[in-house]
């Protein structure tokens, strides 16, 4: 029973230490802002993309990639369906695979 108590205390202590370090070290990234800032970033990438490429599986989709300086120069990928009327945004995400390629 003593061993179980020690293990529980250590694990609980680690949870508190790690959650406290998140504030100072930022090793768990914040999600991108929603609303006006997110819409502005999408418009920025669509107006001035650094890379435009067709989708490898669906010929109706086009990928626009651009860096967002306000978010640590991360690459934002916006996937559009250009055949739809009006043009539709399929998905938007920060692409980790583009790190160092732009």
C-alpha atoms as a PDB file:
ATOM      1  CA  UNK A   1       0.000   0.000   0.000  1.00  0.00           C
ATOM      2  CA  UNK A   2       2.928   2.350   0.699  1.00  0.00           C
ATOM      3  CA  UNK A   3       4.271   1.841  -2.816  1.00  0.00           C
ATOM      4  CA  UNK A   4       0.890   2.635  -4.399  1.00  0.00           C
ATOM      5  CA  UNK A   5       0.666   5.849  -2.357  1.00  0.00           C
ATOM      6  CA  UNK A   6       4.151   6.949  -3.416  1.00  0.00           C
ATOM      7  CA  UNK A   7       3.421   6.196  -7.087  1.00  0.00           C
ATOM      8  CA  UNK A   8       0.129   8.109  -6.936  1.00  0.00           C
ATOM      9  CA  UNK A   9       1.841  11.120  -5.309  1.00  0.00           C
ATOM     10  CA  UNK A  10       4.635  11.149  -7.895  1.00  0.00           C
ATOM     11  CA  UNK A  11       2.229  10.892 -10.832  1.00  0.00           C
ATOM     12  CA  UNK A  12      -0.023  13.610  -9.428  1.00  0.00           C
ATOM     13  CA  UNK A  13       3.013  15.795  -8.817  1.00  0.00           C
ATOM     14  CA  UNK A  14       4.159  15.312 -12.415  1.00  0.00           C
ATOM     15  CA  UNK A  15       0.732  16.357 -13.692  1.00  0.00           C
ATOM     16  CA  UNK A  16       0.903  19.600 -11.712  1.00  0.00           C
ATOM     17  CA  UNK A  17       4.513  20.316 -12.710  1.00  0.00           C
ATOM     18  CA  UNK A  18       3.849  19.724 -16.422  1.00  0.00           C
ATOM     19  CA  UNK A  19       0.665  21.784 -16.433  1.00  0.00           C
ATOM     20  CA  UNK A  20       2.566  24.589 -14.689  1.00  0.00           C
ATOM     21  CA  UNK A  21       5.418  24.472 -17.210  1.00  0.00           C
ATOM     22  CA  UNK A  22       3.013  24.863 -20.131  1.00  0.00           C
ATOM     23  CA  UNK A  23       2.597  28.522 -19.205  1.00  0.00           C
ATOM     24  CA  UNK A  24       6.339  29.205 -19.374  1.00  0.00           C
ATOM     25  CA  UNK A  25       7.663  26.859 -22.061  1.00  0.00           C
ATOM     26  CA  UNK A  26       4.747  26.753 -24.540  1.00  0.00           C
ATOM     27  CA  UNK A  27       5.457  23.162 -25.602  1.00  0.00           C
ATOM     28  CA  UNK A  28       1.767  22.536 -26.218  1.00  0.00           C
ATOM     29  CA  UNK A  29       0.849  24.957 -29.036  1.00  0.00           C
ATOM     30  CA  UNK A  30      -2.213  27.136 -28.831  1.00  0.00           C
ATOM     31  CA  UNK A  31      -4.942  26.496 -31.401  1.00  0.00           C
ATOM     32  CA  UNK A  32      -5.245  29.079 -34.162  1.00  0.00           C
ATOM     33  CA  UNK A  33      -7.581  31.948 -33.402  1.00  0.00           C
ATOM     34  CA  UNK A  34     -11.074  31.743 -34.749  1.00  0.00           C
ATOM     35  CA  UNK A  35     -13.193  34.535 -36.118  1.00  0.00           C
ATOM     36  CA  UNK A  36     -11.722  37.637 -37.730  1.00  0.00           C
ATOM     37  CA  UNK A  37      -8.049  36.671 -37.321  1.00  0.00           C
ATOM     38  CA  UNK A  38      -8.594  33.217 -38.860  1.00  0.00           C
ATOM     39  CA  UNK A  39     -10.578  34.695 -41.747  1.00  0.00           C
ATOM     40  CA  UNK A  40      -7.848  37.286 -42.332  1.00  0.00           C
ATOM     41  CA  UNK A  41      -5.197  34.557 -42.526  1.00  0.00           C
ATOM     42  CA  UNK A  42      -7.246  32.574 -45.040  1.00  0.00           C
ATOM     43  CA  UNK A  43      -7.693  35.667 -47.203  1.00  0.00           C
ATOM     44  CA  UNK A  44      -3.972  36.420 -46.901  1.00  0.00           C
ATOM     45  CA  UNK A  45      -3.008  32.941 -48.137  1.00  0.00           C
ATOM     46  CA  UNK A  46      -5.534  33.033 -50.986  1.00  0.00           C
ATOM     47  CA  UNK A  47      -4.419  36.520 -52.107  1.00  0.00           C
ATOM     48  CA  UNK A  48      -0.661  35.847 -51.904  1.00  0.00           C
ATOM     49  CA  UNK A  49       0.057  32.093 -51.825  1.00  0.00           C
ATOM     50  CA  UNK A  50       3.656  30.955 -51.721  1.00  0.00           C
ATOM     51  CA  UNK A  51       2.754  27.591 -53.223  1.00  0.00           C
ATOM     52  CA  UNK A  52      -0.202  26.463 -55.342  1.00  0.00           C
ATOM     53  CA  UNK A  53      -0.518  22.787 -56.157  1.00  0.00           C
ATOM     54  CA  UNK A  54      -3.270  20.478 -57.414  1.00  0.00           C
ATOM     55  CA  UNK A  55      -4.560  17.700 -55.205  1.00  0.00           C
ATOM     56  CA  UNK A  56      -2.971  14.336 -55.972  1.00  0.00           C
ATOM     57  CA  UNK A  57      -6.285  12.452 -55.700  1.00  0.00           C
ATOM     58  CA  UNK A  58      -9.063  14.852 -56.686  1.00  0.00           C
ATOM     59  CA  UNK A  59      -8.585  17.067 -59.776  1.00  0.00           C
ATOM     60  CA  UNK A  60     -11.272  19.474 -58.510  1.00  0.00           C
ATOM     61  CA  UNK A  61      -9.213  20.451 -55.451  1.00  0.00           C
ATOM     62  CA  UNK A  62      -6.396  22.979 -55.331  1.00  0.00           C
ATOM     63  CA  UNK A  63      -4.046  23.562 -52.369  1.00  0.00           C
ATOM     64  CA  UNK A  64      -2.872  27.077 -51.473  1.00  0.00           C
ATOM     65  CA  UNK A  65      -0.028  27.330 -48.961  1.00  0.00           C
ATOM     66  CA  UNK A  66       1.335  30.447 -47.307  1.00  0.00           C
ATOM     67  CA  UNK A  67       3.301  31.402 -44.210  1.00  0.00           C
ATOM     68  CA  UNK A  68       1.595  33.199 -41.336  1.00  0.00           C
ATOM     69  CA  UNK A  69       4.146  35.480 -39.685  1.00  0.00           C
ATOM     70  CA  UNK A  70       1.896  36.295 -36.721  1.00  0.00           C
ATOM     71  CA  UNK A  71       1.819  32.573 -35.847  1.00  0.00           C
ATOM     72  CA  UNK A  72       5.534  31.782 -35.907  1.00  0.00           C
ATOM     73  CA  UNK A  73       5.899  31.509 -39.720  1.00  0.00           C
ATOM     74  CA  UNK A  74       3.819  28.331 -39.781  1.00  0.00           C
ATOM     75  CA  UNK A  75       2.520  27.152 -43.131  1.00  0.00           C
ATOM     76  CA  UNK A  76      -1.245  27.490 -43.499  1.00  0.00           C
ATOM     77  CA  UNK A  77      -2.757  25.185 -46.131  1.00  0.00           C
ATOM     78  CA  UNK A  78      -6.129  26.125 -47.622  1.00  0.00           C
ATOM     79  CA  UNK A  79      -7.789  23.507 -49.838  1.00  0.00           C
ATOM     80  CA  UNK A  80     -10.377  24.816 -52.297  1.00  0.00           C
ATOM     81  CA  UNK A  81     -12.868  23.084 -54.551  1.00  0.00           C
ATOM     82  CA  UNK A  82     -12.516  25.278 -57.618  1.00  0.00           C
ATOM     83  CA  UNK A  83     -15.183  23.423 -59.612  1.00  0.00           C
ATOM     84  CA  UNK A  84     -17.983  24.272 -57.153  1.00  0.00           C
ATOM     85  CA  UNK A  85     -20.075  27.383 -57.649  1.00  0.00           C
ATOM     86  CA  UNK A  86     -19.311  29.391 -55.581  1.00  0.00           C
ATOM     87  CA  UNK A  87     -15.784  28.183 -54.863  1.00  0.00           C
ATOM     88  CA  UNK A  88     -15.764  26.271 -51.573  1.00  0.00           C
ATOM     89  CA  UNK A  89     -13.132  25.982 -48.892  1.00  0.00           C
ATOM     90  CA  UNK A  90     -12.786  22.267 -48.142  1.00  0.00           C
ATOM     91  CA  UNK A  91     -10.353  22.503 -45.231  1.00  0.00           C
ATOM     92  CA  UNK A  92      -7.807  24.793 -43.590  1.00  0.00           C
ATOM     93  CA  UNK A  93      -4.940  23.597 -41.391  1.00  0.00           C
ATOM     94  CA  UNK A  94      -1.384  24.351 -40.367  1.00  0.00           C
ATOM     95  CA  UNK A  95       0.747  21.928 -42.369  1.00  0.00           C
ATOM     96  CA  UNK A  96       3.630  20.550 -40.312  1.00  0.00           C
ATOM     97  CA  UNK A  97       5.108  18.801 -43.340  1.00  0.00           C
ATOM     98  CA  UNK A  98       5.805  22.176 -44.962  1.00  0.00           C
ATOM     99  CA  UNK A  99       8.153  23.248 -42.182  1.00  0.00           C
ATOM    100  CA  UNK A 100      11.403  24.283 -43.805  1.00  0.00           C
ATOM    101  CA  UNK A 101      10.082  23.845 -47.352  1.00  0.00           C
ATOM    102  CA  UNK A 102       8.687  27.356 -47.830  1.00  0.00           C
END
